[in-house]
Protein backbone atom coordinates (compact mmCIF):
# COMPACT_ATOMS: atom_id res chain seq x y z
CA MET A 1 -54.11 10.81 6.10
CA THR A 2 -55.45 8.29 8.60
CA GLU A 3 -53.46 7.17 11.62
CA ALA A 4 -51.75 3.80 11.45
CA PRO A 5 -53.76 1.13 13.28
CA GLU A 6 -52.42 -0.22 16.56
CA ILE A 7 -51.20 -3.82 16.40
CA GLU A 8 -52.37 -5.98 19.25
CA GLY A 9 -49.57 -7.05 21.58
CA VAL A 10 -47.15 -4.39 20.32
CA GLU A 11 -46.52 -1.37 22.53
CA PRO A 12 -46.48 2.03 20.81
CA PRO A 13 -43.05 3.69 20.68
CA PHE A 14 -42.05 6.18 23.36
CA PRO A 15 -42.42 9.82 22.31
CA LYS A 16 -39.28 11.35 20.87
CA HIS A 17 -37.14 13.18 23.43
CA ASP A 18 -37.89 16.92 23.07
CA PRO A 19 -35.49 19.01 25.19
CA TYR A 20 -37.35 22.24 24.33
CA SER A 21 -40.89 21.27 25.31
CA VAL A 22 -40.64 22.75 28.82
CA LEU A 23 -39.63 26.12 27.34
CA ARG A 24 -43.08 26.37 25.76
CA GLU A 25 -44.69 26.74 29.20
CA PRO A 26 -45.21 30.53 29.77
CA GLY A 27 -44.86 30.40 33.55
CA TYR A 28 -41.58 28.56 33.31
CA ARG A 29 -40.18 31.08 30.82
CA LEU A 30 -40.97 33.93 33.24
CA TYR A 31 -39.41 32.09 36.17
CA LEU A 32 -36.35 31.07 34.13
CA ALA A 33 -35.70 34.61 32.85
CA GLY A 34 -36.17 36.26 36.24
CA ASN A 35 -34.08 33.71 38.10
CA PHE A 36 -31.32 34.04 35.50
CA LEU A 37 -31.15 37.82 35.96
CA SER A 38 -31.18 37.46 39.74
CA ILE A 39 -28.27 35.00 39.74
CA LEU A 40 -26.42 37.09 37.15
CA GLY A 41 -26.52 40.13 39.43
CA PHE A 42 -25.59 38.05 42.47
CA LYS A 43 -22.51 36.60 40.74
CA MET A 44 -21.46 40.05 39.54
CA GLN A 45 -21.69 41.23 43.14
CA THR A 46 -19.83 38.16 44.44
CA ALA A 47 -16.89 38.87 42.14
CA ALA A 48 -16.93 42.57 43.07
CA VAL A 49 -17.11 42.10 46.83
CA GLY A 50 -14.33 39.50 46.72
CA TRP A 51 -12.13 41.86 44.73
CA GLU A 52 -12.89 44.84 46.99
CA ILE A 53 -12.29 43.02 50.26
CA TYR A 54 -9.01 41.51 49.05
CA GLU A 55 -7.87 44.92 47.77
CA ARG A 56 -8.65 46.42 51.18
CA THR A 57 -7.03 43.66 53.26
CA LYS A 58 -4.60 41.63 51.09
CA ASP A 59 -5.58 38.74 53.36
CA PRO A 60 -6.95 35.43 51.96
CA LYS A 61 -8.58 34.76 55.33
CA ALA A 62 -10.80 37.80 54.71
CA LEU A 63 -12.06 36.10 51.54
CA GLY A 64 -12.88 32.97 53.49
CA LEU A 65 -14.90 35.07 55.93
CA ILE A 66 -17.19 36.10 53.04
CA GLY A 67 -18.14 32.47 52.61
CA LEU A 68 -18.71 31.94 56.33
CA ILE A 69 -20.98 35.00 56.57
CA GLN A 70 -23.09 33.79 53.66
CA PHE A 71 -23.26 30.25 55.03
CA LEU A 72 -24.34 30.99 58.61
CA PRO A 73 -27.88 32.28 57.83
CA VAL A 74 -28.55 29.30 55.56
CA PHE A 75 -27.37 26.88 58.24
CA LEU A 76 -29.13 28.56 61.16
CA LEU A 77 -32.45 29.28 59.42
CA ALA A 78 -32.73 26.37 56.98
CA LEU A 79 -35.18 24.19 58.93
CA PHE A 80 -37.41 27.13 59.84
CA ALA A 81 -37.31 28.50 56.28
CA GLY A 82 -38.22 25.09 54.89
CA HIS A 83 -41.21 24.85 57.23
CA ILE A 84 -42.34 28.33 56.10
CA ALA A 85 -42.06 27.27 52.46
CA ASP A 86 -44.37 24.30 53.12
CA ARG A 87 -47.00 26.33 55.00
CA PHE A 88 -47.19 29.62 53.06
CA ASP A 89 -47.31 30.73 49.45
CA ARG A 90 -43.84 30.07 48.00
CA LYS A 91 -44.10 32.72 45.32
CA ARG A 92 -44.96 35.34 47.93
CA ILE A 93 -41.98 34.33 50.10
CA ILE A 94 -39.64 34.96 47.17
CA LEU A 95 -41.29 38.30 46.36
CA ILE A 96 -40.93 39.47 49.97
CA GLY A 97 -37.24 38.61 50.10
CA LEU A 98 -36.20 40.39 46.89
CA PRO A 99 -36.63 43.99 48.19
CA PHE A 100 -34.39 43.17 51.17
CA ILE A 101 -31.69 41.87 48.81
CA ALA A 102 -31.96 44.99 46.65
CA ALA A 103 -31.81 47.32 49.66
CA ALA A 104 -28.73 45.56 51.06
CA SER A 105 -26.94 45.90 47.70
CA LEU A 106 -27.76 49.61 47.47
CA ALA A 107 -26.41 50.09 50.99
CA MET A 108 -23.22 48.23 50.01
CA ALA A 109 -22.81 50.65 47.10
CA TYR A 110 -23.09 53.58 49.51
CA VAL A 111 -20.56 52.32 52.06
CA SER A 112 -18.15 51.19 49.34
CA ARG A 113 -17.76 54.81 48.21
CA ARG A 114 -16.74 55.90 51.72
CA GLY A 115 -13.07 55.32 50.95
CA ASP A 116 -10.66 53.68 53.38
CA ASP A 117 -12.60 54.20 56.61
CA ALA A 118 -11.99 51.33 59.02
CA TRP A 119 -15.71 50.63 59.46
CA VAL A 120 -16.34 50.08 55.73
CA LEU A 121 -15.09 46.49 55.80
CA TYR A 122 -17.32 45.60 58.75
CA ALA A 123 -20.30 47.31 57.12
CA LEU A 124 -19.83 45.25 53.95
CA TYR A 125 -19.74 42.04 55.99
CA ALA A 126 -22.88 43.09 57.91
CA LEU A 127 -24.82 43.89 54.74
CA LEU A 128 -23.77 40.58 53.19
CA PHE A 129 -25.19 38.90 56.29
CA VAL A 130 -28.52 40.75 55.91
CA SER A 131 -28.74 39.77 52.25
CA SER A 132 -27.91 36.16 53.13
CA ILE A 133 -30.81 36.03 55.61
CA ALA A 134 -33.23 36.91 52.79
CA ARG A 135 -31.60 34.32 50.53
CA ALA A 136 -31.88 31.71 53.31
CA PHE A 137 -35.67 32.06 53.23
CA GLN A 138 -35.78 32.24 49.44
CA GLN A 139 -33.75 29.10 48.77
CA PRO A 140 -36.29 26.42 49.83
CA ALA A 141 -39.17 28.46 48.38
CA LYS A 142 -37.44 28.79 44.99
CA SER A 143 -36.49 25.12 44.79
CA SER A 144 -39.93 23.86 45.81
CA LEU A 145 -41.80 26.34 43.58
CA LEU A 146 -40.44 24.85 40.35
CA PRO A 147 -42.62 21.69 40.44
CA GLN A 148 -45.68 23.98 40.75
CA ILE A 149 -44.71 25.79 37.55
CA VAL A 150 -43.98 22.85 35.22
CA THR A 151 -45.75 19.54 34.70
CA ARG A 152 -44.27 16.40 36.23
CA SER A 153 -43.22 14.99 32.85
CA HIS A 154 -41.30 18.19 32.10
CA PHE A 155 -39.59 18.44 35.47
CA PRO A 156 -36.28 16.67 34.62
CA ALA A 157 -35.91 18.93 31.57
CA ALA A 158 -36.77 21.97 33.70
CA VAL A 159 -34.04 21.03 36.18
CA THR A 160 -31.51 20.73 33.36
CA TRP A 161 -32.46 24.05 31.74
CA ASN A 162 -32.61 25.74 35.14
CA THR A 163 -29.13 24.47 35.93
CA GLY A 164 -27.88 25.56 32.53
CA ALA A 165 -29.32 29.07 32.94
CA MET A 166 -27.86 29.29 36.43
CA GLN A 167 -24.45 28.28 35.16
CA LEU A 168 -24.72 30.70 32.23
CA ALA A 169 -25.26 33.42 34.82
CA PHE A 170 -22.20 32.06 36.62
CA VAL A 171 -20.25 32.48 33.35
CA LEU A 172 -21.42 35.99 32.55
CA GLY A 173 -21.75 37.35 36.08
CA PRO A 174 -18.10 37.30 37.20
CA ALA A 175 -16.88 38.37 33.76
CA LEU A 176 -19.35 41.28 33.61
CA GLY A 177 -18.48 42.13 37.19
CA GLY A 178 -14.79 42.39 36.30
CA PHE A 179 -15.51 44.50 33.21
CA ALA A 180 -17.85 46.75 35.20
CA ILE A 181 -15.19 47.36 37.86
CA ALA A 182 -12.76 48.44 35.13
CA LEU A 183 -15.27 50.48 33.13
CA PHE A 184 -16.87 52.40 35.96
CA ALA A 185 -13.85 52.86 38.21
CA GLY A 186 -13.49 56.59 37.55
CA GLY A 187 -10.69 58.17 39.52
CA GLU A 188 -7.80 59.80 37.71
CA ARG A 189 -8.85 58.43 34.32
CA SER A 190 -12.18 59.16 32.70
CA PHE A 191 -14.38 56.50 31.15
CA SER A 192 -13.24 57.51 27.64
CA GLU A 193 -9.58 57.14 28.59
CA ILE A 194 -9.94 53.43 29.41
CA SER A 195 -9.26 51.57 26.17
CA LEU A 196 -10.26 48.07 25.10
CA GLY A 197 -6.66 47.03 25.59
CA ASP A 198 -6.82 48.16 29.21
CA LEU A 199 -9.71 45.78 29.77
CA VAL A 200 -7.81 42.67 28.74
CA LYS A 201 -4.27 43.28 29.91
CA SER A 202 -2.87 42.89 33.39
CA ASN A 203 -4.13 45.05 36.25
CA PRO A 204 -4.90 48.38 34.46
CA LEU A 205 -6.45 50.02 37.54
CA THR A 206 -5.14 51.21 40.86
CA THR A 207 -6.62 49.78 44.06
CA ALA A 208 -8.59 52.97 44.77
CA GLU A 209 -10.02 53.05 41.23
CA SER A 210 -11.14 49.41 41.23
CA ILE A 211 -12.81 49.78 44.63
CA ARG A 212 -14.82 52.72 43.33
CA GLY A 213 -15.95 50.56 40.41
CA THR A 214 -17.41 47.90 42.72
CA ALA A 215 -20.14 50.29 43.90
CA VAL A 216 -21.68 50.28 40.42
CA VAL A 217 -21.77 46.48 40.46
CA TYR A 218 -23.69 46.50 43.74
CA VAL A 219 -26.31 48.80 42.16
CA MET A 220 -26.57 46.40 39.21
CA ASN A 221 -27.36 43.54 41.57
CA ALA A 222 -30.17 45.60 43.12
CA CYS A 223 -31.60 46.16 39.62
CA ALA A 224 -31.38 42.43 38.89
CA ALA A 225 -33.36 41.64 42.05
CA ALA A 226 -36.03 44.13 40.96
CA ALA A 227 -36.21 42.45 37.53
CA PHE A 228 -36.79 39.03 39.13
CA PHE A 229 -39.58 40.56 41.21
CA ALA A 230 -41.28 41.85 38.03
CA PHE A 231 -40.98 38.56 36.12
CA LEU A 232 -42.15 36.40 39.02
CA TRP A 233 -45.12 38.68 39.71
CA PHE A 234 -46.73 37.57 36.42
CA ALA A 235 -45.98 33.84 36.79
CA LYS A 236 -48.99 31.72 37.77
CA PRO A 237 -47.88 28.57 39.64
CA ARG A 238 -50.36 25.82 40.41
CA PRO A 239 -51.71 25.62 43.99
CA MET A 240 -49.40 23.85 46.38
CA ALA A 241 -50.19 21.00 48.76
CA ARG A 242 -49.87 22.84 52.08
CA ASP A 243 -48.65 21.31 55.32
CA ASN A 244 -50.92 22.63 58.07
CA ASP A 245 -49.00 21.03 60.95
CA PRO A 246 -48.08 23.52 63.68
CA LEU A 247 -44.47 24.59 64.05
CA THR A 248 -42.94 21.98 66.33
CA PHE A 249 -39.58 20.28 66.59
CA HIS A 250 -41.16 17.18 65.03
CA SER A 251 -42.41 19.11 61.99
CA LEU A 252 -39.10 20.94 61.58
CA MET A 253 -37.21 17.65 61.50
CA ALA A 254 -39.55 15.97 58.99
CA GLY A 255 -37.27 16.88 56.09
CA VAL A 256 -34.24 15.52 57.91
CA ARG A 257 -36.00 12.22 58.60
CA PHE A 258 -37.08 11.90 54.96
CA VAL A 259 -33.59 12.55 53.56
CA PHE A 260 -31.98 10.09 55.97
CA SER A 261 -34.57 7.46 55.01
CA GLN A 262 -33.42 7.63 51.37
CA LYS A 263 -29.96 6.07 51.35
CA VAL A 264 -28.99 6.86 47.77
CA MET A 265 -30.27 10.43 48.07
CA LEU A 266 -28.31 10.91 51.29
CA ALA A 267 -25.14 9.53 49.70
CA ALA A 268 -25.55 11.81 46.67
CA ILE A 269 -25.84 15.02 48.66
CA SER A 270 -23.08 13.90 51.05
CA LEU A 271 -20.80 13.40 48.07
CA ASP A 272 -21.53 16.95 46.90
CA LEU A 273 -21.02 18.32 50.41
CA PHE A 274 -17.57 16.87 51.05
CA ALA A 275 -16.28 17.16 47.49
CA VAL A 276 -16.92 20.89 47.15
CA LEU A 277 -16.12 21.53 50.82
CA LEU A 278 -12.61 20.23 50.21
CA GLY A 279 -12.26 21.39 46.60
CA GLY A 280 -13.34 25.01 47.07
CA ALA A 281 -10.59 26.55 44.94
CA THR A 282 -12.82 29.34 43.63
CA ALA A 283 -12.69 31.17 46.98
CA LEU A 284 -9.00 31.86 46.36
CA LEU A 285 -9.34 33.17 42.81
CA PRO A 286 -8.56 36.78 43.86
CA VAL A 287 -5.27 35.45 45.26
CA TYR A 288 -4.47 33.50 42.08
CA ALA A 289 -5.35 36.57 39.96
CA SER A 290 -2.94 38.77 41.94
CA LYS A 291 0.64 39.68 41.00
CA GLU A 292 2.02 36.95 43.28
CA PHE A 293 0.53 34.21 41.06
CA LEU A 294 -0.99 34.78 37.58
CA ASP A 295 -1.02 38.61 37.53
CA VAL A 296 -4.21 39.03 35.47
CA GLY A 297 -6.06 41.80 37.33
CA PRO A 298 -9.82 42.12 37.97
CA VAL A 299 -10.86 41.27 34.40
CA GLY A 300 -8.70 38.15 34.40
CA MET A 301 -10.17 37.20 37.76
CA GLY A 302 -13.64 37.62 36.28
CA TRP A 303 -12.86 35.14 33.53
CA MET A 304 -11.41 32.74 36.05
CA GLU A 305 -14.64 33.00 38.05
CA ALA A 306 -16.60 32.42 34.84
CA ALA A 307 -14.64 29.42 33.55
CA PRO A 308 -16.25 26.76 35.81
CA ALA A 309 -19.71 28.00 34.90
CA LEU A 310 -18.89 27.96 31.19
CA GLY A 311 -17.95 24.31 31.53
CA ALA A 312 -21.19 23.68 33.42
CA VAL A 313 -23.30 25.41 30.74
CA LEU A 314 -21.86 23.30 27.93
CA MET A 315 -22.29 20.17 30.03
CA ALA A 316 -25.93 21.12 30.75
CA LEU A 317 -26.62 21.55 27.02
CA TRP A 318 -25.07 18.16 26.35
CA ILE A 319 -27.17 16.52 29.08
CA ALA A 320 -30.37 18.23 27.86
CA HIS A 321 -29.99 16.76 24.38
CA ARG A 322 -29.29 13.23 25.60
CA PRO A 323 -31.61 10.58 27.07
CA PRO A 324 -31.52 10.16 30.87
CA PHE A 325 -28.38 8.69 32.41
CA GLN A 326 -28.33 4.89 32.22
CA ARG A 327 -25.83 4.56 35.11
CA ALA A 328 -26.37 7.76 37.01
CA GLY A 329 -24.57 6.66 40.18
CA ALA A 330 -21.35 5.68 38.42
CA ALA A 331 -21.51 8.85 36.32
CA MET A 332 -21.80 10.95 39.46
CA LEU A 333 -18.85 9.26 41.19
CA LEU A 334 -16.58 9.52 38.14
CA SER A 335 -17.49 13.16 37.59
CA VAL A 336 -16.43 14.04 41.14
CA VAL A 337 -13.10 12.25 40.60
CA GLY A 338 -12.61 14.43 37.52
CA PHE A 339 -13.51 17.51 39.59
CA GLY A 340 -10.85 16.63 42.16
CA ALA A 341 -8.16 15.94 39.54
CA ALA A 342 -8.80 19.24 37.75
CA THR A 343 -8.63 21.06 41.10
CA ILE A 344 -5.19 19.59 41.79
CA VAL A 345 -3.81 20.69 38.41
CA PHE A 346 -5.27 24.19 38.88
CA GLY A 347 -3.59 24.52 42.26
CA LEU A 348 -0.19 23.68 40.78
CA SER A 349 -0.55 25.71 37.59
CA ARG A 350 1.17 29.05 37.01
CA SER A 351 -0.07 29.27 33.42
CA TYR A 352 -3.21 31.34 32.86
CA PRO A 353 -4.53 29.22 29.92
CA ILE A 354 -4.00 25.98 31.85
CA SER A 355 -5.66 27.46 34.93
CA LEU A 356 -8.68 28.51 32.86
CA ALA A 357 -8.90 25.04 31.29
CA MET A 358 -8.84 23.32 34.68
CA LEU A 359 -11.50 25.65 36.08
CA PHE A 360 -13.61 24.91 32.99
CA LEU A 361 -13.33 21.17 33.70
CA THR A 362 -14.29 21.57 37.37
CA GLY A 363 -17.56 23.20 36.27
CA ALA A 364 -18.29 20.59 33.61
CA PHE A 365 -17.74 17.69 36.02
CA ASP A 366 -19.65 19.36 38.85
CA ASN A 367 -22.73 19.96 36.67
CA ILE A 368 -23.26 16.22 36.22
CA SER A 369 -23.48 15.83 39.99
CA VAL A 370 -25.81 18.85 40.32
CA VAL A 371 -28.34 17.61 37.73
CA ILE A 372 -28.49 14.08 39.16
CA ARG A 373 -28.76 15.23 42.78
CA HIS A 374 -31.34 17.97 42.23
CA THR A 375 -33.59 15.75 40.09
CA LEU A 376 -33.59 13.06 42.77
CA MET A 377 -34.31 15.55 45.55
CA GLN A 378 -37.33 17.18 43.90
CA VAL A 379 -39.00 14.34 42.01
CA LEU A 380 -38.86 11.85 44.88
CA THR A 381 -40.16 14.26 47.52
CA PRO A 382 -43.91 14.80 48.25
CA ASP A 383 -45.05 18.34 47.45
CA ALA A 384 -46.12 19.07 51.05
CA MET A 385 -42.54 18.37 52.20
CA ARG A 386 -40.57 19.91 49.33
CA GLY A 387 -39.78 23.09 51.26
CA ARG A 388 -38.19 21.27 54.18
CA VAL A 389 -36.30 18.81 51.98
CA SER A 390 -35.10 21.69 49.80
CA ALA A 391 -33.91 23.41 52.96
CA ILE A 392 -31.84 20.36 53.88
CA ASN A 393 -30.41 20.35 50.36
CA GLY A 394 -29.67 24.06 50.75
CA MET A 395 -27.77 23.39 53.95
CA PHE A 396 -25.59 20.88 52.11
CA ILE A 397 -25.05 23.30 49.23
CA GLY A 398 -24.30 26.16 51.61
CA ALA A 399 -21.86 24.06 53.56
CA SER A 400 -20.11 22.84 50.41
CA ASN A 401 -19.75 26.32 48.89
CA GLU A 402 -19.68 29.01 51.58
CA LEU A 403 -18.16 26.87 54.33
CA GLY A 404 -15.78 25.40 51.75
CA ALA A 405 -14.68 28.95 50.92
CA TYR A 406 -13.99 29.60 54.59
CA GLU A 407 -12.03 26.34 54.88
CA SER A 408 -9.93 27.19 51.82
CA GLY A 409 -9.15 30.66 53.14
CA GLN A 410 -8.15 29.36 56.57
CA VAL A 411 -5.89 26.60 55.20
CA ALA A 412 -4.30 29.10 52.80
CA SER A 413 -3.56 31.50 55.67
CA TRP A 414 -2.02 28.70 57.76
CA THR A 415 0.03 27.16 54.94
CA SER A 416 -0.18 28.55 51.37
CA PRO A 417 -2.84 28.95 48.67
CA THR A 418 -1.23 26.18 46.62
CA PHE A 419 -1.31 23.71 49.49
CA SER A 420 -4.94 24.61 50.25
CA VAL A 421 -6.12 23.94 46.69
CA VAL A 422 -4.04 20.83 45.99
CA SER A 423 -4.79 19.12 49.31
CA GLY A 424 -8.48 19.86 48.77
CA GLY A 425 -8.44 18.15 45.38
CA ILE A 426 -6.74 15.09 46.86
CA GLY A 427 -9.30 15.02 49.66
CA THR A 428 -12.13 15.15 47.12
CA ILE A 429 -10.88 12.01 45.36
CA LEU A 430 -10.49 10.21 48.70
CA VAL A 431 -14.13 11.07 49.55
CA VAL A 432 -15.28 9.43 46.30
CA VAL A 433 -13.35 6.27 47.12
CA ALA A 434 -14.84 6.15 50.62
CA LEU A 435 -18.44 6.71 49.50
CA SER A 436 -18.21 4.19 46.65
CA ILE A 437 -17.32 1.59 49.31
CA LEU A 438 -19.75 2.75 52.01
CA SER A 439 -22.71 3.31 49.64
CA PRO A 440 -22.89 0.52 47.03
CA GLY A 441 -26.46 1.64 46.27
CA LEU A 442 -25.17 4.91 44.86
CA ARG A 443 -22.50 3.15 42.84
CA ARG A 444 -25.10 0.78 41.32
CA PHE A 445 -27.86 3.36 40.79
CA GLY A 446 -29.09 3.21 37.20
CA ARG A 447 -31.44 5.09 34.89
CA LEU A 448 -32.40 8.62 35.98
CA THR A 449 -35.95 9.56 34.96
CA HIS A 450 -38.90 11.30 36.61
CA GLU A 451 -40.13 7.83 37.57
CA SER A 452 -36.93 6.81 39.33
CA LYS A 453 -37.14 5.00 42.65
CA VAL A 454 -34.35 4.67 45.14
CA GLU A 455 -33.83 2.25 47.95
CA SER A 456 -35.11 3.32 51.34
């Protein structure tokens, strides 16, 4: 059959949107699988360390300290790590960091089995700090490596699938972490004596048993880091455009200057920063899972940790199968309002199903913001500067998550967990109102494609 002749003056139709085309690139499949396993192990460990530290201290402020410890390396090393990612091989930077993460997790498993010694808590915090240093160098390298793995036309789809896989790991990680704590706790009951009913009903394990189970989760995270190392080893990214400028204050600040020159981009990441900083309810999930609130035990806490990510996964699938946003700015603002409203209801709820539903909605709404922001950050940034711009983005993400966790824990210790969560949700909505007035460019921003341009 011959092709239909072109008619003069009539443009050919755009190719049909194919959300699966990027998955046919072998290098991207390796990166996607390895990164998924790495995040899965990390989220399992996050749930386990939160459960262990709260069981040891019964202090919500101790949970907030976890977030602060993980935020400080990102904040202190971000500019330097971004400069490294623009000067040296990004794949190699990631490969170097993974053994440090695995070693820190194995050391956490060892100290966790030391019982109730006073130094165990401080050792766990110290090892989290070591692991966070490695992640601080990995973050800009990972973000800026993705455009070297996929073609430019596939990049928006790669961001969506990457976000979806990350959120799927967020769904499975906490849930698997909770199950693993229950299954491998040991103690007075053997593995065979723990029934399926024990895994779904309230608090089947003693404190000592559940703490012993966390050590297995830490080993699993070390195995996940090793798996990412193996997958990434065989990926073949395209050569990067290196920045050969010497390390100076001017070169370190290049990413900052670029982000502040893009008004819509700056408003988008500022919105994410303040919204999640104030609405960081997830840091208090061990408190809400305890007997004082919902009384659902470690497995119930795992599902609560997983609920936001489940909402984000389904939202990512919906976005992947739709054309690009026609009014991306308005969609982002409205989604953050929804995030704040769901956070308020969760803070007031004492019903487990309602709490799960609200956490699900926070993840779904947040994913819209993540996809829009990350696409803008990567597509609009020159390759030679992607490491430093990704580092700035990482600082915002770190501040909104880890520092938000610290803020939630502190406010909860000063007042109550309910006040901390509800006031944070109200603050999130007020931030949206303020930014919609102060940044009309974000409010009016339209179609989101790989050819998008924003005002400077």
